[in-house]
C-alpha atoms as a PDB file:
ATOM      1  CA  MET A   1       0.000   0.000   0.000  1.00  0.00           C
ATOM      2  CA  SER A   2       2.742   2.467   0.944  1.00  0.00           C
ATOM      3  CA  THR A   3       4.718   1.570  -2.217  1.00  0.00           C
ATOM      4  CA  THR A   4       1.683   2.345  -4.377  1.00  0.00           C
ATOM      5  CA  HIS A   5       1.389   5.817  -2.854  1.00  0.00           C
ATOM      6  CA  ALA A   6       5.135   6.459  -3.005  1.00  0.00           C
ATOM      7  CA  ARG A   7       5.451   5.869  -6.766  1.00  0.00           C
ATOM      8  CA  PRO A   8       3.167   8.707  -7.960  1.00  0.00           C
ATOM      9  CA  THR A   9       4.331  11.010  -5.144  1.00  0.00           C
ATOM     10  CA  ARG A  10       8.078  10.712  -5.825  1.00  0.00           C
ATOM     11  CA  PRO A  11       8.105  12.674  -9.142  1.00  0.00           C
ATOM     12  CA  TYR A  12       6.311  15.569  -7.450  1.00  0.00           C
ATOM     13  CA  ILE A  13       8.824  15.634  -4.597  1.00  0.00           C
ATOM     14  CA  THR A  14      11.611  15.646  -7.183  1.00  0.00           C
ATOM     15  CA  ALA A  15       9.816  18.363  -9.168  1.00  0.00           C
ATOM     16  CA  LEU A  16       9.446  20.550  -6.074  1.00  0.00           C
ATOM     17  CA  ALA A  17      13.106  20.060  -5.164  1.00  0.00           C
ATOM     18  CA  ILE A  18      14.330  20.955  -8.668  1.00  0.00           C
ATOM     19  CA  THR A  19      11.981  23.936  -8.933  1.00  0.00           C
ATOM     20  CA  GLY A  20      12.949  25.126  -5.450  1.00  0.00           C
ATOM     21  CA  ALA A  21      16.648  24.989  -6.316  1.00  0.00           C
ATOM     22  CA  GLY A  22      16.012  26.895  -9.551  1.00  0.00           C
ATOM     23  CA  VAL A  23      13.982  29.577  -7.776  1.00  0.00           C
ATOM     24  CA  ALA A  24      16.600  30.003  -5.027  1.00  0.00           C
ATOM     25  CA  ALA A  25      19.376  30.429  -7.607  1.00  0.00           C
ATOM     26  CA  ALA A  26      17.280  32.866  -9.681  1.00  0.00           C
ATOM     27  CA  TYR A  27      16.351  34.952  -6.639  1.00  0.00           C
ATOM     28  CA  LEU A  28      19.937  35.181  -5.390  1.00  0.00           C
ATOM     29  CA  VAL A  29      21.254  36.254  -8.804  1.00  0.00           C
ATOM     30  CA  GLY A  30      18.346  38.674  -9.257  1.00  0.00           C
ATOM     31  CA  THR A  31      19.111  40.241  -5.856  1.00  0.00           C
ATOM     32  CA  ALA A  32      22.792  40.605  -6.742  1.00  0.00           C
ATOM     33  CA  VAL A  33      22.044  42.034 -10.226  1.00  0.00           C
ATOM     34  CA  PRO A  34      18.654  43.788  -9.804  1.00  0.00           C
ATOM     35  CA  VAL A  35      18.506  45.093 -13.393  1.00  0.00           C
ATOM     36  CA  VAL A  36      18.004  41.476 -14.523  1.00  0.00           C
ATOM     37  CA  SER A  37      14.836  40.236 -12.832  1.00  0.00           C
ATOM     38  CA  ALA A  38      14.652  36.923 -11.011  1.00  0.00           C
ATOM     39  CA  LEU A  39      11.838  35.941 -13.397  1.00  0.00           C
ATOM     40  CA  THR A  40      14.106  36.232 -16.427  1.00  0.00           C
ATOM     41  CA  ILE A  41      16.893  34.304 -14.729  1.00  0.00           C
ATOM     42  CA  ALA A  42      14.392  31.611 -13.702  1.00  0.00           C
ATOM     43  CA  VAL A  43      13.252  30.939 -17.264  1.00  0.00           C
ATOM     44  CA  VAL A  44      16.874  30.726 -18.463  1.00  0.00           C
ATOM     45  CA  LEU A  45      17.753  28.289 -15.678  1.00  0.00           C
ATOM     46  CA  GLY A  46      14.627  26.297 -16.544  1.00  0.00           C
ATOM     47  CA  ILE A  47      15.686  25.992 -20.183  1.00  0.00           C
ATOM     48  CA  LEU A  48      19.131  24.794 -19.081  1.00  0.00           C
ATOM     49  CA  ALA A  49      17.643  22.282 -16.622  1.00  0.00           C
ATOM     50  CA  GLY A  50      15.157  21.068 -19.224  1.00  0.00           C
ATOM     51  CA  SER A  51      17.967  20.282 -21.658  1.00  0.00           C
ATOM     52  CA  LEU A  52      19.567  17.811 -19.218  1.00  0.00           C
ATOM     53  CA  PRO A  53      19.029  14.196 -20.337  1.00  0.00           C
ATOM     54  CA  ALA A  54      18.791  13.104 -16.689  1.00  0.00           C
ATOM     55  CA  LEU A  55      15.419  14.846 -16.344  1.00  0.00           C
ATOM     56  CA  SER A  56      12.847  12.103 -16.905  1.00  0.00           C
ATOM     57  CA  ASP A  57       9.520  12.599 -18.717  1.00  0.00           C
ATOM     58  CA  GLU A  58       7.745  11.737 -15.462  1.00  0.00           C
ATOM     59  CA  THR A  59       9.582  14.531 -13.637  1.00  0.00           C
ATOM     60  CA  ARG A  60       8.937  16.982 -16.474  1.00  0.00           C
ATOM     61  CA  LYS A  61       5.219  16.242 -16.253  1.00  0.00           C
ATOM     62  CA  ALA A  62       5.290  16.762 -12.483  1.00  0.00           C
ATOM     63  CA  ILE A  63       7.121  20.087 -12.904  1.00  0.00           C
ATOM     64  CA  SER A  64       4.436  21.172 -15.375  1.00  0.00           C
ATOM     65  CA  GLY A  65       1.726  20.414 -12.799  1.00  0.00           C
ATOM     66  CA  VAL A  66       3.563  22.349 -10.092  1.00  0.00           C
ATOM     67  CA  THR A  67       4.102  25.262 -12.496  1.00  0.00           C
ATOM     68  CA  LYS A  68       0.384  25.912 -13.041  1.00  0.00           C
ATOM     69  CA  LYS A  69      -0.302  26.187  -9.297  1.00  0.00           C
ATOM     70  CA  LEU A  70       2.665  28.496  -8.675  1.00  0.00           C
ATOM     71  CA  LEU A  71       1.664  30.727 -11.588  1.00  0.00           C
ATOM     72  CA  ARG A  72      -1.869  31.319 -10.385  1.00  0.00           C
ATOM     73  CA  ALA A  73      -0.803  31.974  -6.796  1.00  0.00           C
ATOM     74  CA  GLY A  74       1.881  34.410  -7.989  1.00  0.00           C
ATOM     75  CA  VAL A  75      -0.535  36.439 -10.118  1.00  0.00           C
ATOM     76  CA  VAL A  76      -2.962  36.688  -7.175  1.00  0.00           C
ATOM     77  CA  LEU A  77      -0.200  38.093  -4.935  1.00  0.00           C
ATOM     78  CA  LEU A  78       0.794  40.534  -7.686  1.00  0.00           C
ATOM     79  CA  GLY A  79      -2.472  42.365  -6.948  1.00  0.00           C
ATOM     80  CA  LEU A  80      -1.106  43.424  -3.547  1.00  0.00           C
ATOM     81  CA  GLN A  81       1.454  45.625  -5.313  1.00  0.00           C
ATOM     82  CA  LEU A  82      -1.309  47.869  -6.685  1.00  0.00           C
ATOM     83  CA  SER A  83      -2.706  50.828  -4.771  1.00  0.00           C
ATOM     84  CA  LEU A  84      -5.610  52.212  -6.804  1.00  0.00           C
ATOM     85  CA  PRO A  85      -5.665  55.632  -5.012  1.00  0.00           C
ATOM     86  CA  SER A  86      -1.999  56.180  -6.024  1.00  0.00           C
ATOM     87  CA  VAL A  87      -2.848  55.306  -9.610  1.00  0.00           C
ATOM     88  CA  LEU A  88      -5.911  57.593  -9.685  1.00  0.00           C
ATOM     89  CA  ALA A  89      -3.788  60.461  -8.313  1.00  0.00           C
ATOM     90  CA  LEU A  90      -1.961  60.577 -11.658  1.00  0.00           C
ATOM     91  CA  GLY A  91      -4.903  62.486 -13.142  1.00  0.00           C
ATOM     92  CA  PRO A  92      -7.209  61.780 -16.090  1.00  0.00           C
ATOM     93  CA  GLY A  93      -4.796  62.923 -18.804  1.00  0.00           C
ATOM     94  CA  THR A  94      -1.971  60.619 -17.714  1.00  0.00           C
ATOM     95  CA  LEU A  95      -4.353  57.715 -17.114  1.00  0.00           C
ATOM     96  CA  LEU A  96      -5.801  58.114 -20.605  1.00  0.00           C
ATOM     97  CA  ALA A  97      -2.227  58.136 -21.964  1.00  0.00           C
ATOM     98  CA  VAL A  98      -1.625  54.841 -20.130  1.00  0.00           C
ATOM     99  CA  VAL A  99      -4.769  53.210 -21.546  1.00  0.00           C
ATOM    100  CA  LEU A 100      -4.051  54.393 -25.096  1.00  0.00           C
ATOM    101  CA  THR A 101      -0.406  53.330 -24.972  1.00  0.00           C
ATOM    102  CA  VAL A 102      -1.249  49.871 -23.644  1.00  0.00           C
ATOM    103  CA  GLY A 103      -4.073  49.395 -26.156  1.00  0.00           C
ATOM    104  CA  VAL A 104      -2.121  50.611 -29.192  1.00  0.00           C
ATOM    105  CA  THR A 105       0.936  48.541 -28.246  1.00  0.00           C
ATOM    106  CA  PHE A 106      -1.058  45.376 -27.575  1.00  0.00           C
ATOM    107  CA  LEU A 107      -3.166  45.470 -30.739  1.00  0.00           C
ATOM    108  CA  GLY A 108      -0.342  46.872 -32.870  1.00  0.00           C
ATOM    109  CA  THR A 109       2.066  44.134 -31.793  1.00  0.00           C
ATOM    110  CA  ILE A 110      -0.472  41.420 -32.625  1.00  0.00           C
ATOM    111  CA  GLY A 111      -0.962  43.006 -36.057  1.00  0.00           C
ATOM    112  CA  LEU A 112       2.805  43.227 -36.624  1.00  0.00           C
ATOM    113  CA  GLY A 113       3.169  39.589 -35.576  1.00  0.00           C
ATOM    114  CA  ARG A 114       0.607  38.580 -38.181  1.00  0.00           C
ATOM    115  CA  LEU A 115       2.450  40.559 -40.892  1.00  0.00           C
ATOM    116  CA  LEU A 116       5.796  38.982 -39.935  1.00  0.00           C
ATOM    117  CA  GLY A 117       4.376  35.432 -39.785  1.00  0.00           C
ATOM    118  CA  VAL A 118       5.134  35.065 -36.072  1.00  0.00           C
ATOM    119  CA  PRO A 119       3.060  32.306 -34.394  1.00  0.00           C
ATOM    120  CA  ARG A 120      -0.146  33.730 -32.908  1.00  0.00           C
ATOM    121  CA  GLY A 121       0.598  32.537 -29.364  1.00  0.00           C
ATOM    122  CA  LEU A 122       4.039  34.149 -29.382  1.00  0.00           C
ATOM    123  CA  ALA A 123       2.667  37.426 -30.774  1.00  0.00           C
ATOM    124  CA  MET A 124       0.019  37.521 -28.022  1.00  0.00           C
ATOM    125  CA  LEU A 125       2.609  36.963 -25.300  1.00  0.00           C
ATOM    126  CA  VAL A 126       4.994  39.583 -26.716  1.00  0.00           C
ATOM    127  CA  ALA A 127       2.097  42.040 -27.038  1.00  0.00           C
ATOM    128  CA  THR A 128       1.127  41.470 -23.387  1.00  0.00           C
ATOM    129  CA  GLY A 129       4.662  41.640 -22.008  1.00  0.00           C
ATOM    130  CA  PHE A 130       5.666  44.749 -23.942  1.00  0.00           C
ATOM    131  CA  SER A 131       2.421  46.648 -23.335  1.00  0.00           C
ATOM    132  CA  ILE A 132       1.968  45.892 -19.618  1.00  0.00           C
ATOM    133  CA  CYS A 133       4.650  44.505 -17.291  1.00  0.00           C
ATOM    134  CA  GLY A 134       7.105  42.146 -18.918  1.00  0.00           C
ATOM    135  CA  ALA A 135       7.568  38.609 -17.637  1.00  0.00           C
ATOM    136  CA  SER A 136       4.791  38.877 -15.003  1.00  0.00           C
ATOM    137  CA  ALA A 137       2.227  39.737 -17.689  1.00  0.00           C
ATOM    138  CA  ILE A 138       3.517  36.968 -19.962  1.00  0.00           C
ATOM    139  CA  ALA A 139       3.155  34.488 -17.101  1.00  0.00           C
ATOM    140  CA  ALA A 140      -0.442  35.612 -16.512  1.00  0.00           C
ATOM    141  CA  MET A 141      -1.458  35.559 -20.182  1.00  0.00           C
ATOM    142  CA  GLU A 142       0.048  32.170 -21.032  1.00  0.00           C
ATOM    143  CA  GLY A 143      -2.701  30.442 -19.055  1.00  0.00           C
ATOM    144  CA  VAL A 144      -5.534  31.669 -21.302  1.00  0.00           C
ATOM    145  CA  VAL A 145      -4.033  31.641 -24.813  1.00  0.00           C
ATOM    146  CA  GLU A 146      -2.969  28.767 -27.062  1.00  0.00           C
ATOM    147  CA  ARG A 147       0.827  28.781 -27.228  1.00  0.00           C
ATOM    148  CA  GLU A 148       3.920  26.588 -27.204  1.00  0.00           C
ATOM    149  CA  ASP A 149       6.155  26.503 -24.136  1.00  0.00           C
ATOM    150  CA  SER A 150       8.955  27.843 -26.323  1.00  0.00           C
ATOM    151  CA  ASP A 151       6.788  30.921 -27.025  1.00  0.00           C
ATOM    152  CA  VAL A 152       6.872  31.812 -23.315  1.00  0.00           C
ATOM    153  CA  ALA A 153      10.660  31.553 -23.172  1.00  0.00           C
ATOM    154  CA  THR A 154      11.054  33.594 -26.361  1.00  0.00           C
ATOM    155  CA  ALA A 155       8.718  36.347 -25.115  1.00  0.00           C
ATOM    156  CA  VAL A 156      10.586  36.607 -21.789  1.00  0.00           C
ATOM    157  CA  ALA A 157      13.926  36.731 -23.637  1.00  0.00           C
ATOM    158  CA  LEU A 158      12.651  39.573 -25.842  1.00  0.00           C
ATOM    159  CA  VAL A 159      11.391  41.528 -22.817  1.00  0.00           C
ATOM    160  CA  THR A 160      14.818  41.180 -21.217  1.00  0.00           C
ATOM    161  CA  PHE A 161      16.787  42.149 -24.327  1.00  0.00           C
ATOM    162  CA  TYR A 162      14.756  45.151 -25.448  1.00  0.00           C
ATOM    163  CA  GLY A 163      14.025  46.302 -21.907  1.00  0.00           C
ATOM    164  CA  GLY A 164      17.787  46.299 -21.337  1.00  0.00           C
ATOM    165  CA  LEU A 165      18.293  48.502 -24.394  1.00  0.00           C
ATOM    166  CA  ALA A 166      15.558  50.866 -23.149  1.00  0.00           C
ATOM    167  CA  ILE A 167      17.463  51.402 -19.878  1.00  0.00           C
ATOM    168  CA  ALA A 168      20.137  53.242 -21.865  1.00  0.00           C
ATOM    169  CA  ALA A 169      17.899  54.667 -24.604  1.00  0.00           C
ATOM    170  CA  VAL A 170      15.261  56.465 -22.482  1.00  0.00           C
ATOM    171  CA  PRO A 171      17.601  58.801 -20.516  1.00  0.00           C
ATOM    172  CA  LEU A 172      19.786  59.423 -23.596  1.00  0.00           C
ATOM    173  CA  LEU A 173      16.880  60.237 -25.899  1.00  0.00           C
ATOM    174  CA  GLY A 174      15.149  62.156 -23.108  1.00  0.00           C
ATOM    175  CA  GLY A 175      18.152  64.465 -22.811  1.00  0.00           C
ATOM    176  CA  TRP A 176      18.377  64.844 -26.595  1.00  0.00           C
ATOM    177  CA  LEU A 177      14.662  65.762 -26.723  1.00  0.00           C
ATOM    178  CA  HIS A 178      15.155  68.256 -23.824  1.00  0.00           C
ATOM    179  CA  LEU A 179      12.638  66.470 -21.582  1.00  0.00           C
ATOM    180  CA  ASP A 180      12.665  67.462 -17.919  1.00  0.00           C
ATOM    181  CA  ALA A 181      13.274  64.891 -15.151  1.00  0.00           C
ATOM    182  CA  VAL A 182       9.609  64.211 -14.404  1.00  0.00           C
ATOM    183  CA  ARG A 183       8.781  63.757 -18.101  1.00  0.00           C
ATOM    184  CA  ILE A 184      11.638  61.273 -18.475  1.00  0.00           C
ATOM    185  CA  GLY A 185      10.231  59.356 -15.497  1.00  0.00           C
ATOM    186  CA  GLU A 186       6.761  59.379 -17.059  1.00  0.00           C
ATOM    187  CA  TRP A 187       8.143  58.136 -20.363  1.00  0.00           C
ATOM    188  CA  ALA A 188      10.116  55.356 -18.654  1.00  0.00           C
ATOM    189  CA  GLY A 189       7.066  54.236 -16.658  1.00  0.00           C
ATOM    190  CA  LEU A 190       4.881  54.216 -19.750  1.00  0.00           C
ATOM    191  CA  SER A 191       7.236  52.510 -22.201  1.00  0.00           C
ATOM    192  CA  VAL A 192       9.818  50.287 -20.471  1.00  0.00           C
ATOM    193  CA  HIS A 193       8.845  46.649 -19.905  1.00  0.00           C
ATOM    194  CA  GLU A 194       9.915  45.340 -16.449  1.00  0.00           C
ATOM    195  CA  VAL A 195       9.580  47.258 -13.154  1.00  0.00           C
ATOM    196  CA  ALA A 196      13.322  46.861 -12.430  1.00  0.00           C
ATOM    197  CA  GLN A 197      14.120  48.152 -15.930  1.00  0.00           C
ATOM    198  CA  VAL A 198      11.814  51.150 -15.387  1.00  0.00           C
ATOM    199  CA  VAL A 199      13.665  52.083 -12.184  1.00  0.00           C
ATOM    200  CA  ALA A 200      17.051  51.719 -13.917  1.00  0.00           C
ATOM    201  CA  ALA A 201      15.912  53.841 -16.892  1.00  0.00           C
ATOM    202  CA  ALA A 202      14.542  56.638 -14.679  1.00  0.00           C
ATOM    203  CA  THR A 203      17.395  56.713 -12.116  1.00  0.00           C
ATOM    204  CA  PRO A 204      19.764  58.994 -14.121  1.00  0.00           C
ATOM    205  CA  ALA A 205      17.040  61.677 -14.074  1.00  0.00           C
ATOM    206  CA  GLY A 206      16.786  61.636 -10.253  1.00  0.00           C
ATOM    207  CA  THR A 207      14.486  60.486  -7.450  1.00  0.00           C
ATOM    208  CA  ALA A 208      11.452  62.484  -8.665  1.00  0.00           C
ATOM    209  CA  ALA A 209      11.665  60.709 -12.014  1.00  0.00           C
ATOM    210  CA  VAL A 210      11.895  57.295 -10.338  1.00  0.00           C
ATOM    211  CA  ALA A 211       8.868  57.998  -8.105  1.00  0.00           C
ATOM    212  CA  VAL A 212       6.573  58.981 -10.978  1.00  0.00           C
ATOM    213  CA  ALA A 213       7.941  56.181 -13.193  1.00  0.00           C
ATOM    214  CA  ILE A 214       6.990  53.497 -10.659  1.00  0.00           C
ATOM    215  CA  VAL A 215       3.432  54.796 -10.174  1.00  0.00           C
ATOM    216  CA  ILE A 216       2.835  55.004 -13.940  1.00  0.00           C
ATOM    217  CA  LYS A 217       4.312  51.550 -14.394  1.00  0.00           C
ATOM    218  CA  LEU A 218       1.937  50.137 -11.780  1.00  0.00           C
ATOM    219  CA  SER A 219      -0.964  51.874 -13.526  1.00  0.00           C
ATOM    220  CA  ARG A 220      -0.130  49.715 -16.548  1.00  0.00           C
ATOM    221  CA  VAL A 221      -0.205  46.641 -14.286  1.00  0.00           C
ATOM    222  CA  VAL A 222      -3.805  47.537 -13.304  1.00  0.00           C
ATOM    223  CA  LEU A 223      -4.783  46.756 -16.904  1.00  0.00           C
ATOM    224  CA  LEU A 224      -3.409  43.205 -16.663  1.00  0.00           C
ATOM    225  CA  ALA A 225      -6.590  41.719 -15.188  1.00  0.00           C
ATOM    226  CA  PRO A 226      -9.070  43.172 -17.711  1.00  0.00           C
ATOM    227  CA  MET A 227      -6.766  42.298 -20.591  1.00  0.00           C
ATOM    228  CA  VAL A 228      -6.337  38.664 -19.502  1.00  0.00           C
ATOM    229  CA  ALA A 229     -10.091  38.416 -18.901  1.00  0.00           C
ATOM    230  CA  ALA A 230     -10.885  39.919 -22.333  1.00  0.00           C
ATOM    231  CA  VAL A 231      -8.491  37.545 -24.094  1.00  0.00           C
ATOM    232  CA  GLY A 232      -9.967  34.634 -22.128  1.00  0.00           C
ATOM    233  CA  VAL A 233     -13.455  35.556 -23.372  1.00  0.00           C
ATOM    234  CA  HIS A 234     -12.166  35.908 -26.936  1.00  0.00           C
ATOM    235  CA  GLU A 235     -10.391  32.548 -26.798  1.00  0.00           C
ATOM    236  CA  ARG A 236     -13.601  30.818 -25.745  1.00  0.00           C
ATOM    237  CA  HIS A 237     -15.212  31.921 -29.002  1.00  0.00           C
ATOM    238  CA  ARG A 238     -12.384  30.659 -31.187  1.00  0.00           C
ATOM    239  CA  PRO A 239     -12.850  27.204 -32.782  1.00  0.00           C
ATOM    240  CA  ALA A 240     -11.602  24.640 -30.246  1.00  0.00           C
ATOM    241  CA  ASP A 241      -8.835  22.282 -31.380  1.00  0.00           C
ATOM    242  CA  GLY A 242     -10.163  19.389 -29.350  1.00  0.00           C
ATOM    243  CA  GLY A 243      -8.803  20.870 -26.121  1.00  0.00           C
ATOM    244  CA  LYS A 244     -10.562  22.384 -23.136  1.00  0.00           C
ATOM    245  CA  ARG A 245     -11.829  25.929 -23.581  1.00  0.00           C
ATOM    246  CA  PRO A 246     -10.245  28.473 -21.238  1.00  0.00           C
ATOM    247  CA  PRO A 247     -12.477  29.719 -18.400  1.00  0.00           C
ATOM    248  CA  LEU A 248     -14.593  32.810 -19.029  1.00  0.00           C
ATOM    249  CA  VAL A 249     -12.681  34.740 -16.353  1.00  0.00           C
ATOM    250  CA  PRO A 250      -9.868  32.744 -14.713  1.00  0.00           C
ATOM    251  CA  LEU A 251     -10.166  32.503 -10.937  1.00  0.00           C
ATOM    252  CA  PHE A 252      -6.627  33.793 -10.462  1.00  0.00           C
ATOM    253  CA  VAL A 253      -7.625  37.023 -12.265  1.00  0.00           C
ATOM    254  CA  LEU A 254     -10.488  37.496  -9.790  1.00  0.00           C
ATOM    255  CA  GLY A 255      -7.981  36.830  -6.988  1.00  0.00           C
ATOM    256  CA  PHE A 256      -5.662  39.473  -8.470  1.00  0.00           C
ATOM    257  CA  LEU A 257      -8.519  42.025  -8.427  1.00  0.00           C
ATOM    258  CA  ALA A 258      -9.472  41.079  -4.859  1.00  0.00           C
ATOM    259  CA  MET A 259      -5.883  41.592  -3.664  1.00  0.00           C
ATOM    260  CA  ALA A 260      -5.675  44.964  -5.442  1.00  0.00           C
ATOM    261  CA  ALA A 261      -8.909  46.032  -3.729  1.00  0.00           C
ATOM    262  CA  LEU A 262      -7.544  44.886  -0.357  1.00  0.00           C
ATOM    263  CA  ARG A 263      -4.303  46.842  -0.858  1.00  0.00           C
ATOM    264  CA  SER A 264      -6.304  49.929  -1.812  1.00  0.00           C
ATOM    265  CA  THR A 265      -8.103  49.944   1.557  1.00  0.00           C
ATOM    266  CA  GLY A 266      -4.803  50.721   3.288  1.00  0.00           C
ATOM    267  CA  ILE A 267      -5.358  48.118   6.012  1.00  0.00           C
ATOM    268  CA  VAL A 268      -2.521  45.794   4.955  1.00  0.00           C
ATOM    269  CA  PRO A 269       0.625  46.476   7.045  1.00  0.00           C
ATOM    270  CA  GLY A 270       3.782  47.499   5.208  1.00  0.00           C
ATOM    271  CA  ALA A 271       5.679  44.456   6.513  1.00  0.00           C
ATOM    272  CA  ALA A 272       3.009  42.152   5.077  1.00  0.00           C
ATOM    273  CA  LEU A 273       3.250  43.917   1.708  1.00  0.00           C
ATOM    274  CA  ASP A 274       7.024  43.418   1.680  1.00  0.00           C
ATOM    275  CA  VAL A 275       6.619  39.707   2.402  1.00  0.00           C
ATOM    276  CA  ALA A 276       3.923  39.414  -0.281  1.00  0.00           C
ATOM    277  CA  LYS A 277       6.183  41.104  -2.837  1.00  0.00           C
ATOM    278  CA  VAL A 278       8.969  38.603  -2.201  1.00  0.00           C
ATOM    279  CA  GLY A 279       6.451  35.745  -2.217  1.00  0.00           C
ATOM    280  CA  CYS A 280       5.035  36.923  -5.548  1.00  0.00           C
ATOM    281  CA  THR A 281       8.508  37.006  -7.081  1.00  0.00           C
ATOM    282  CA  LEU A 282       9.329  33.510  -5.818  1.00  0.00           C
ATOM    283  CA  LEU A 283       6.040  32.021  -7.045  1.00  0.00           C
ATOM    284  CA  LEU A 284       6.285  33.574 -10.512  1.00  0.00           C
ATOM    285  CA  ALA A 285       9.966  32.599 -10.735  1.00  0.00           C
ATOM    286  CA  GLY A 286       8.952  29.000  -9.960  1.00  0.00           C
ATOM    287  CA  ALA A 287       6.279  29.140 -12.659  1.00  0.00           C
ATOM    288  CA  LEU A 288       8.671  30.466 -15.284  1.00  0.00           C
ATOM    289  CA  PHE A 289      11.364  27.978 -14.274  1.00  0.00           C
ATOM    290  CA  GLY A 290       8.853  25.192 -14.882  1.00  0.00           C
ATOM    291  CA  LEU A 291       7.847  26.627 -18.256  1.00  0.00           C
ATOM    292  CA  GLY A 292      11.522  26.878 -19.177  1.00  0.00           C
ATOM    293  CA  CYS A 293      12.011  23.186 -18.409  1.00  0.00           C
ATOM    294  CA  ALA A 294       9.492  22.317 -21.127  1.00  0.00           C
ATOM    295  CA  VAL A 295      11.249  24.380 -23.813  1.00  0.00           C
ATOM    296  CA  ARG A 296      13.099  22.735 -26.688  1.00  0.00           C
ATOM    297  CA  ILE A 297      16.044  24.902 -27.722  1.00  0.00           C
ATOM    298  CA  GLY A 298      15.757  23.889 -31.401  1.00  0.00           C
ATOM    299  CA  THR A 299      12.218  25.299 -31.582  1.00  0.00           C
ATOM    300  CA  LEU A 300      13.385  28.456 -29.808  1.00  0.00           C
ATOM    301  CA  VAL A 301      16.158  29.051 -32.346  1.00  0.00           C
ATOM    302  CA  ARG A 302      13.888  28.521 -35.363  1.00  0.00           C
ATOM    303  CA  THR A 303      11.641  31.469 -34.405  1.00  0.00           C
ATOM    304  CA  GLY A 304      14.583  33.767 -33.610  1.00  0.00           C
ATOM    305  CA  GLY A 305      14.800  36.212 -36.542  1.00  0.00           C
ATOM    306  CA  ARG A 306      11.131  37.077 -36.893  1.00  0.00           C
ATOM    307  CA  ALA A 307      10.689  37.229 -33.111  1.00  0.00           C
ATOM    308  CA  LEU A 308      13.628  39.635 -32.753  1.00  0.00           C
ATOM    309  CA  LEU A 309      12.147  41.910 -35.413  1.00  0.00           C
ATOM    310  CA  LEU A 310       8.749  41.800 -33.715  1.00  0.00           C
ATOM    311  CA  GLY A 311      10.379  42.769 -30.394  1.00  0.00           C
ATOM    312  CA  LEU A 312      12.191  45.699 -32.028  1.00  0.00           C
ATOM    313  CA  LEU A 313       9.052  46.998 -33.750  1.00  0.00           C
ATOM    314  CA  SER A 314       6.971  46.569 -30.589  1.00  0.00           C
ATOM    315  CA  THR A 315       9.579  48.469 -28.549  1.00  0.00           C
ATOM    316  CA  LEU A 316       9.563  51.326 -31.062  1.00  0.00           C
ATOM    317  CA  LEU A 317       5.765  51.293 -31.052  1.00  0.00           C
ATOM    318  CA  VAL A 318       5.384  51.501 -27.253  1.00  0.00           C
ATOM    319  CA  GLY A 319       8.119  54.144 -26.959  1.00  0.00           C
ATOM    320  CA  THR A 320       6.697  56.373 -29.698  1.00  0.00           C
ATOM    321  CA  THR A 321       3.079  55.972 -28.587  1.00  0.00           C
ATOM    322  CA  ALA A 322       4.011  56.771 -24.983  1.00  0.00           C
ATOM    323  CA  LEU A 323       5.888  59.914 -25.993  1.00  0.00           C
ATOM    324  CA  VAL A 324       3.072  61.170 -28.234  1.00  0.00           C
ATOM    325  CA  THR A 325       0.264  60.477 -25.759  1.00  0.00           C
ATOM    326  CA  LEU A 326       2.192  62.142 -22.916  1.00  0.00           C
ATOM    327  CA  ALA A 327       2.832  65.206 -25.083  1.00  0.00           C
ATOM    328  CA  VAL A 328      -0.858  65.485 -25.994  1.00  0.00           C
ATOM    329  CA  LEU A 329      -2.552  64.349 -22.764  1.00  0.00           C
ATOM    330  CA  GLY A 330       0.004  64.275 -19.926  1.00  0.00           C
END
């Protein structure tokens, strides 16, 4: 009797151990080099671990099961990073600039992906990551859209590469365009992909620029839940390929909204928010590590050229749209 229970349990214990080691390594490196997020490092480590022949199919399947649970829990905790009163304090003009920039970048990137012949799932993930909040948004969207595991890894790699370029480009171009410090911060918050990249891009302009950049960046994160929900509804109306239809509104999206509402009440202690932020990072890092384990490097390489071009065009699109909307509305 005990042997029967031990056999199916062992792969999950192994999966948890491997994922835990990957998350610990990613978090330590991400802490030491904060410009590169732990989420990005986790997916890279996952790809490396997944390429090891010693990783059995049984263990891979167990890691995949663990990944889904970590992902949903991580997205729920992400809601605790959002304070709606802080976002609303930006004013109607800036908020409209945020909505327009996110919408134009998301839809424009999907259209560009279609023109370039990029797989639909990859284009959707790139559009989400570049328009909202990088790897966190990609991790949330991958649960409701048809995609390959390699698409997730490619999208995260593009966010890292082009977000890294934006760290240097935003302050340089901001100076060339004679933007003041606050405007540079606004532009960074509205156009750069990851939160850590936004901070790095705004830092040369000073603390005022960093403060406004973070609030604007988080205002983009607010749009994650409605976007995932809208795509989930759209996917339900697409012809099914024999698989299960995605839920109308995923439960983890409702959890995300509930946590954002709780944070907005102001009753959550600061220490609890700090713990939740670390917990969110660890959970999402575990999810992306697991997704990385399922990636086949050959498939990743074959989509390289078109995906790189899509990332470049999407970066130019979000940067230009952000600058124009801020000039008109901000």
